[in-house]
Amino acid sequence: MSDIQFALTILAVIIILIMIIFNWIRLIQYRKQNHAEKSFLYKDENGLSLEEKNPYDHDLSISEKYLLSNLPKDIYRDIDAIAFIRLNKATHATSKLNLRDFIELPHAHCFIRRNEDEWQSTEGLTGSASFDQILIAIQLVDRQGPISQAHTQTFRMLSEKTKNDLDGSLIWLSHSNIEEDAKELNQFCALVDHMMTLTLIPKNNGLFDNEKLIETLKTDGFKVNKDGYHEFKGRDKHPLFRVTSLNQQPLSFNLDPYIQGILFQMDLPLTLSCKESFDAMLESITNFQKELECMLVDSNKKELNVNHIERIRYQVEKIENQMVAKNIIPGSSCARRLFS
């Protein structure tokens, strides 16, 4: 081999190596970019992907996961059974949505849209609207218990009928096994649905001075709500806790001039930041104790000590953590719907 041939061979090898290295770098860059785009597309406001927060739907397609990340306002995958119907062609036939039958179902909702427009609720729908997508949802549980078998069957039947009447295909986006999932969610709700109550009574078996009690309520920032309860609200105007009479009714100073005790109540599933709100309630109780010469007692009228309070705080924090782990944040609109 001549020197020229040898030099050309070396040059060819170098060029080939450069091309291999260049293509390898481009491949790595493409994979990183593709991964970042997918992560961005399917991350929610808490920074968790759909698979991380909801492992039960890992078999859904990319388009189905996209739909779940763009649900209508106040529809929640964690508490609603959700069916999606895509029509073969757009229509104005709102009369075929079986809306009257859906309205009779408790906590049922129906939405329509065309292409990627915003979802439009069919509640109070007037006139004609063009649509090629339908989303139907029903809440699995409320404070009265899980959805009934009759309502489950009706919801399934109406979903299938709507799909057939409008010539579409149906996909279950969440909780296709309504009965089992409703039973499981109801068990969870029973576990965390607690009204935490602390009792204040005057010392030495006395009675509250009503004028002083009224003044303390005002000074501490309590307001009377529409139901007549004295309520304490946080900075965002969301109720944190309330004060009631010993029979859990609103305080009525005119009808009950001799008040023997009051209750501080916190509805844990409906309270934002339960642990912080509990501490705010304890601070308020301390103010009442100073102003009214009263003491915090248990159901046997035995005074509570620091250890008792810490045990109660632990239970409050435990319930809050259980709800957060279930993606049903205490005090959120999702929790307010579920525990209404």
Protein backbone atom coordinates (compact mmCIF):
# COMPACT_ATOMS: atom_id res chain seq x y z
CA MET A 1 0.00 0.00 0.00
CA SER A 2 1.36 3.36 -1.02
CA ASP A 3 1.66 6.28 1.37
CA ILE A 4 -1.26 8.04 -0.38
CA GLN A 5 -3.56 5.00 -0.04
CA PHE A 6 -2.59 4.61 3.61
CA ALA A 7 -3.31 8.30 4.27
CA LEU A 8 -6.69 8.09 2.53
CA THR A 9 -7.62 5.00 4.57
CA ILE A 10 -6.71 6.74 7.84
CA LEU A 11 -8.74 9.79 6.76
CA ALA A 12 -11.77 7.64 5.92
CA VAL A 13 -11.60 5.92 9.32
CA ILE A 14 -11.40 9.30 11.07
CA ILE A 15 -14.43 10.60 9.12
CA ILE A 16 -16.43 7.49 9.99
CA LEU A 17 -15.53 7.83 13.69
CA ILE A 18 -16.56 11.51 13.65
CA MET A 19 -19.94 10.62 12.09
CA ILE A 20 -20.55 7.87 14.66
CA ILE A 21 -19.73 10.21 17.56
CA PHE A 22 -21.89 13.00 16.08
CA ASN A 23 -24.90 10.71 15.58
CA TRP A 24 -24.48 9.31 19.09
CA ILE A 25 -24.53 12.84 20.59
CA ARG A 26 -27.62 13.77 18.54
CA LEU A 27 -29.40 10.62 19.73
CA ILE A 28 -28.70 11.44 23.40
CA GLN A 29 -29.95 15.03 22.88
CA TYR A 30 -33.13 13.79 21.20
CA ARG A 31 -33.89 11.34 24.00
CA LYS A 32 -33.39 14.03 26.66
CA GLN A 33 -35.58 16.50 24.78
CA ASN A 34 -38.30 13.91 24.19
CA HIS A 35 -38.29 12.92 27.88
CA ALA A 36 -38.49 16.57 28.97
CA GLU A 37 -41.44 17.26 26.67
CA LYS A 38 -43.35 14.25 27.96
CA SER A 39 -42.58 15.18 31.54
CA PHE A 40 -43.81 18.72 30.95
CA LEU A 41 -46.95 17.59 29.16
CA TYR A 42 -48.02 15.20 31.87
CA LYS A 43 -46.95 17.04 35.02
CA ASP A 44 -49.67 18.54 37.17
CA GLU A 45 -49.54 21.55 39.47
CA ASN A 46 -47.88 19.55 42.25
CA GLY A 47 -45.08 18.35 39.98
CA LEU A 48 -46.18 14.71 39.92
CA SER A 49 -46.85 12.83 36.73
CA LEU A 50 -50.18 11.14 36.21
CA GLU A 51 -48.58 7.73 36.61
CA GLU A 52 -46.96 8.78 39.92
CA LYS A 53 -50.16 10.18 41.39
CA ASN A 54 -52.57 7.63 39.92
CA PRO A 55 -50.93 4.29 39.28
CA TYR A 56 -54.28 2.60 38.65
CA ASP A 57 -54.52 4.12 35.13
CA HIS A 58 -51.05 3.24 33.86
CA ASP A 59 -52.64 1.29 30.98
CA LEU A 60 -54.30 4.39 29.51
CA SER A 61 -53.07 5.69 26.18
CA ILE A 62 -51.28 9.01 25.81
CA SER A 63 -54.46 10.67 24.48
CA GLU A 64 -56.50 9.37 27.43
CA LYS A 65 -53.90 10.68 29.90
CA TYR A 66 -54.02 14.01 28.10
CA LEU A 67 -57.79 14.11 28.57
CA LEU A 68 -57.39 13.42 32.28
CA SER A 69 -54.98 16.33 32.59
CA ASN A 70 -57.56 18.65 30.98
CA LEU A 71 -60.75 17.84 32.86
CA PRO A 72 -63.51 20.44 33.29
CA LYS A 73 -63.43 22.56 36.42
CA ASP A 74 -64.66 20.77 39.56
CA ILE A 75 -64.43 17.29 38.02
CA TYR A 76 -61.95 15.14 39.93
CA ARG A 77 -60.54 11.81 38.81
CA ASP A 78 -60.05 10.72 42.44
CA ILE A 79 -63.73 10.92 43.42
CA ASP A 80 -65.62 10.73 40.09
CA ALA A 81 -66.27 7.91 37.65
CA ILE A 82 -65.55 9.56 34.31
CA ALA A 83 -66.65 8.36 30.84
CA PHE A 84 -65.48 10.04 27.62
CA ILE A 85 -67.36 9.73 24.32
CA ARG A 86 -65.80 10.78 21.02
CA LEU A 87 -68.25 11.10 18.13
CA ASN A 88 -67.43 10.01 14.60
CA LYS A 89 -68.56 13.43 13.38
CA ALA A 90 -69.63 16.71 14.93
CA THR A 91 -73.33 17.23 15.67
CA HIS A 92 -75.82 19.75 17.05
CA ALA A 93 -78.10 17.03 18.44
CA THR A 94 -78.10 18.07 22.11
CA SER A 95 -81.53 16.43 22.38
CA LYS A 96 -79.78 13.04 22.22
CA LEU A 97 -77.64 13.69 25.31
CA ASN A 98 -80.35 12.26 27.62
CA LEU A 99 -79.89 15.29 29.87
CA ARG A 100 -83.17 14.92 31.75
CA ASP A 101 -82.19 11.43 32.84
CA PHE A 102 -78.68 12.53 33.86
CA ILE A 103 -80.05 15.41 35.93
CA GLU A 104 -82.02 12.96 38.08
CA LEU A 105 -78.81 11.18 39.12
CA PRO A 106 -77.13 12.61 42.27
CA HIS A 107 -73.80 14.37 41.69
CA ALA A 108 -73.82 13.63 37.94
CA HIS A 109 -72.34 16.06 35.39
CA CYS A 110 -72.25 16.24 31.61
CA PHE A 111 -69.96 18.39 29.44
CA ILE A 112 -69.53 18.85 25.68
CA ARG A 113 -66.94 20.45 23.43
CA ARG A 114 -65.72 20.50 19.84
CA ASN A 115 -62.11 19.71 19.00
CA GLU A 116 -59.91 21.21 21.74
CA ASP A 117 -62.29 23.97 22.84
CA GLU A 118 -63.04 24.47 26.52
CA TRP A 119 -65.50 22.05 28.07
CA GLN A 120 -69.03 23.46 28.29
CA SER A 121 -71.42 22.28 30.98
CA THR A 122 -74.79 21.10 29.69
CA GLU A 123 -76.47 22.43 32.83
CA GLY A 124 -78.93 25.06 31.68
CA LEU A 125 -77.85 24.55 28.05
CA THR A 126 -79.98 26.61 25.68
CA GLY A 127 -79.98 26.71 21.92
CA SER A 128 -77.86 24.57 19.65
CA ALA A 129 -74.19 23.80 20.16
CA SER A 130 -71.82 21.94 17.87
CA PHE A 131 -69.83 19.20 19.61
CA ASP A 132 -67.89 16.04 18.88
CA GLN A 133 -66.81 15.10 22.42
CA ILE A 134 -68.84 14.34 25.54
CA LEU A 135 -67.59 13.89 29.09
CA ILE A 136 -69.89 12.32 31.70
CA ALA A 137 -69.02 12.04 35.39
CA ILE A 138 -70.70 10.87 38.57
CA GLN A 139 -69.44 11.19 42.14
CA LEU A 140 -68.69 7.84 43.78
CA VAL A 141 -69.37 8.78 47.41
CA ASP A 142 -70.81 11.52 49.61
CA ARG A 143 -71.33 11.77 53.37
CA GLN A 144 -74.44 9.59 53.10
CA GLY A 145 -72.42 6.71 51.63
CA PRO A 146 -71.43 5.22 48.25
CA ILE A 147 -73.43 5.57 45.06
CA SER A 148 -76.31 3.10 45.00
CA GLN A 149 -76.38 0.09 42.71
CA ALA A 150 -79.48 1.46 40.98
CA HIS A 151 -77.78 4.79 40.23
CA THR A 152 -74.66 2.96 39.04
CA GLN A 153 -76.66 0.86 36.60
CA THR A 154 -78.56 3.93 35.35
CA PHE A 155 -75.31 5.85 34.81
CA ARG A 156 -73.79 2.97 32.82
CA MET A 157 -76.95 2.56 30.77
CA LEU A 158 -77.18 6.26 29.95
CA SER A 159 -73.49 6.37 28.99
CA GLU A 160 -73.95 3.50 26.55
CA LYS A 161 -77.21 4.93 25.21
CA THR A 162 -75.65 8.35 24.60
CA LYS A 163 -72.73 6.71 22.80
CA ASN A 164 -75.06 4.68 20.56
CA ASP A 165 -77.55 7.49 19.89
CA LEU A 166 -74.79 9.84 18.75
CA ASP A 167 -72.59 7.27 16.98
CA GLY A 168 -69.45 7.47 19.04
CA SER A 169 -66.91 5.42 20.97
CA LEU A 170 -66.74 5.31 24.77
CA ILE A 171 -63.64 5.25 26.98
CA TRP A 172 -63.62 5.06 30.78
CA LEU A 173 -61.05 7.56 32.01
CA SER A 174 -61.36 6.75 35.71
CA HIS A 175 -63.15 4.31 38.02
CA SER A 176 -64.68 2.06 35.37
CA ASN A 177 -65.32 -0.42 38.19
CA ILE A 178 -67.74 1.94 39.90
CA GLU A 179 -69.07 -0.41 42.57
CA GLU A 180 -65.71 -1.60 43.88
CA ASP A 181 -64.06 1.82 43.70
CA ALA A 182 -67.02 3.48 45.45
CA LYS A 183 -66.83 0.90 48.25
CA GLU A 184 -63.09 1.49 48.69
CA LEU A 185 -63.46 5.29 48.66
CA ASN A 186 -66.31 5.09 51.18
CA GLN A 187 -64.09 3.11 53.56
CA PHE A 188 -61.43 5.81 53.26
CA CYS A 189 -63.99 8.56 53.92
CA ALA A 190 -65.20 6.79 57.06
CA LEU A 191 -61.58 6.68 58.24
CA VAL A 192 -60.92 10.43 57.93
CA ASP A 193 -64.38 11.98 58.37
CA HIS A 194 -64.06 13.42 61.87
CA MET A 195 -65.53 16.44 63.61
CA MET A 196 -62.85 17.26 66.16
CA THR A 197 -64.44 18.78 69.28
CA LEU A 198 -62.93 20.41 72.38
CA THR A 199 -65.05 21.44 75.37
CA LEU A 200 -64.68 24.56 77.52
CA ILE A 201 -66.56 24.88 80.81
CA PRO A 202 -66.39 27.56 83.55
CA LYS A 203 -64.24 26.71 86.53
CA ASN A 204 -65.83 25.70 89.85
CA ASN A 205 -69.00 24.41 88.10
CA GLY A 206 -70.10 27.96 87.36
CA LEU A 207 -71.80 29.59 84.40
CA PHE A 208 -70.41 31.77 81.65
CA ASP A 209 -70.94 35.49 81.91
CA ASN A 210 -72.86 35.98 78.64
CA GLU A 211 -71.80 39.57 78.12
CA LYS A 212 -68.18 38.65 78.59
CA LEU A 213 -68.57 35.61 76.31
CA ILE A 214 -70.09 37.76 73.56
CA GLU A 215 -67.28 40.29 73.91
CA THR A 216 -64.60 37.57 73.75
CA LEU A 217 -66.16 36.12 70.59
CA LYS A 218 -66.05 39.54 68.94
CA THR A 219 -62.53 40.32 70.12
CA ASP A 220 -61.21 36.98 68.90
CA GLY A 221 -62.64 37.54 65.41
CA PHE A 222 -65.64 35.19 65.36
CA LYS A 223 -68.46 36.00 62.91
CA VAL A 224 -71.97 34.58 62.82
CA ASN A 225 -72.53 32.57 59.63
CA LYS A 226 -75.82 32.05 57.78
CA ASP A 227 -76.65 29.04 59.98
CA GLY A 228 -76.22 31.06 63.17
CA TYR A 229 -72.89 29.54 64.26
CA HIS A 230 -70.01 31.67 65.50
CA GLU A 231 -67.30 30.87 62.97
CA PHE A 232 -63.59 31.67 62.81
CA LYS A 233 -62.15 32.15 59.34
CA GLY A 234 -58.59 32.09 58.07
CA ARG A 235 -56.84 34.77 56.02
CA ASP A 236 -58.45 33.39 52.84
CA LYS A 237 -61.93 33.69 54.41
CA HIS A 238 -62.22 29.91 54.59
CA PRO A 239 -63.88 28.62 57.82
CA LEU A 240 -61.40 26.95 60.19
CA PHE A 241 -63.51 26.19 63.27
CA ARG A 242 -66.65 27.27 65.10
CA VAL A 243 -68.08 27.66 68.59
CA THR A 244 -71.37 26.00 69.56
CA SER A 245 -73.42 25.29 72.66
CA LEU A 246 -72.96 21.96 74.47
CA ASN A 247 -75.76 20.42 72.40
CA GLN A 248 -73.85 21.41 69.21
CA GLN A 249 -76.44 24.03 68.29
CA PRO A 250 -75.69 27.72 67.62
CA LEU A 251 -75.22 29.88 70.70
CA SER A 252 -78.46 31.66 71.55
CA PHE A 253 -77.87 34.20 74.27
CA ASN A 254 -81.49 35.34 74.42
CA LEU A 255 -82.98 31.86 74.76
CA ASP A 256 -80.19 30.44 76.92
CA PRO A 257 -79.06 33.05 79.49
CA TYR A 258 -77.21 30.41 81.55
CA ILE A 259 -74.53 28.83 79.37
CA GLN A 260 -72.74 25.98 81.16
CA GLY A 261 -70.17 25.30 78.47
CA ILE A 262 -69.18 25.75 74.83
CA LEU A 263 -67.69 23.53 72.15
CA PHE A 264 -64.89 24.36 69.73
CA GLN A 265 -65.47 22.27 66.60
CA MET A 266 -63.31 21.62 63.54
CA ASP A 267 -64.61 19.62 60.56
CA LEU A 268 -61.26 18.08 59.57
CA PRO A 269 -61.97 17.07 55.92
CA LEU A 270 -63.29 20.56 55.21
CA THR A 271 -60.48 22.48 56.93
CA LEU A 272 -57.47 23.82 55.05
CA SER A 273 -54.10 23.02 56.66
CA CYS A 274 -55.62 21.00 59.50
CA LYS A 275 -52.61 21.03 61.79
CA GLU A 276 -52.03 24.79 61.46
CA SER A 277 -55.76 25.42 61.91
CA PHE A 278 -55.75 23.23 65.02
CA ASP A 279 -52.94 25.34 66.48
CA ALA A 280 -54.94 28.49 65.66
CA MET A 281 -57.91 26.98 67.48
CA LEU A 282 -55.77 26.21 70.53
CA GLU A 283 -54.58 29.81 70.53
CA SER A 284 -58.18 30.98 70.50
CA ILE A 285 -59.06 28.57 73.32
CA THR A 286 -56.17 29.97 75.37
CA ASN A 287 -57.63 33.46 74.92
CA PHE A 288 -61.03 32.25 76.13
CA GLN A 289 -59.45 30.61 79.16
CA LYS A 290 -57.76 33.87 80.12
CA GLU A 291 -60.82 36.05 79.62
CA LEU A 292 -63.54 33.75 80.96
CA GLU A 293 -61.84 31.71 83.69
CA CYS A 294 -62.72 28.39 82.11
CA MET A 295 -60.93 25.11 81.46
CA LEU A 296 -60.55 22.57 78.65
CA VAL A 297 -62.09 19.20 79.61
CA ASP A 298 -62.80 15.74 78.22
CA SER A 299 -66.20 14.03 78.03
CA ASN A 300 -66.02 13.27 81.76
CA LYS A 301 -65.31 16.94 82.56
CA LYS A 302 -61.76 16.08 83.51
CA GLU A 303 -59.27 18.81 82.64
CA LEU A 304 -57.04 18.03 79.67
CA ASN A 305 -53.29 18.33 80.07
CA VAL A 306 -50.51 18.92 77.54
CA ASN A 307 -50.15 15.19 76.78
CA HIS A 308 -53.84 14.94 75.87
CA ILE A 309 -53.52 17.92 73.54
CA GLU A 310 -50.45 16.44 71.84
CA ARG A 311 -52.29 13.17 71.21
CA ILE A 312 -55.16 15.07 69.63
CA ARG A 313 -52.71 17.07 67.49
CA TYR A 314 -51.12 13.81 66.33
CA GLN A 315 -54.52 12.46 65.23
CA VAL A 316 -55.27 15.69 63.38
CA GLU A 317 -51.94 15.51 61.54
CA LYS A 318 -52.46 11.82 60.78
CA ILE A 319 -55.84 12.46 59.14
CA GLU A 320 -54.43 15.36 57.14
CA ASN A 321 -51.56 13.19 55.87
CA GLN A 322 -53.94 10.36 54.94
CA MET A 323 -56.06 12.74 52.86
CA VAL A 324 -53.04 14.29 51.15
CA ALA A 325 -51.73 10.81 50.29
CA LYS A 326 -55.11 10.07 48.67
CA ASN A 327 -54.83 13.32 46.65
CA ILE A 328 -57.92 14.71 48.39
CA ILE A 329 -56.53 17.79 50.12
CA PRO A 330 -58.46 18.85 53.26
CA GLY A 331 -60.49 21.98 52.63
CA SER A 332 -60.01 21.82 48.84
CA SER A 333 -62.96 22.05 46.44
CA CYS A 334 -62.53 18.31 45.84
CA ALA A 335 -62.85 17.58 49.59
CA ARG A 336 -65.79 19.97 49.93
CA ARG A 337 -67.63 18.09 47.20
CA LEU A 338 -66.81 14.70 48.65
CA PHE A 339 -67.77 15.57 52.24
CA SER A 340 -70.82 17.69 51.48
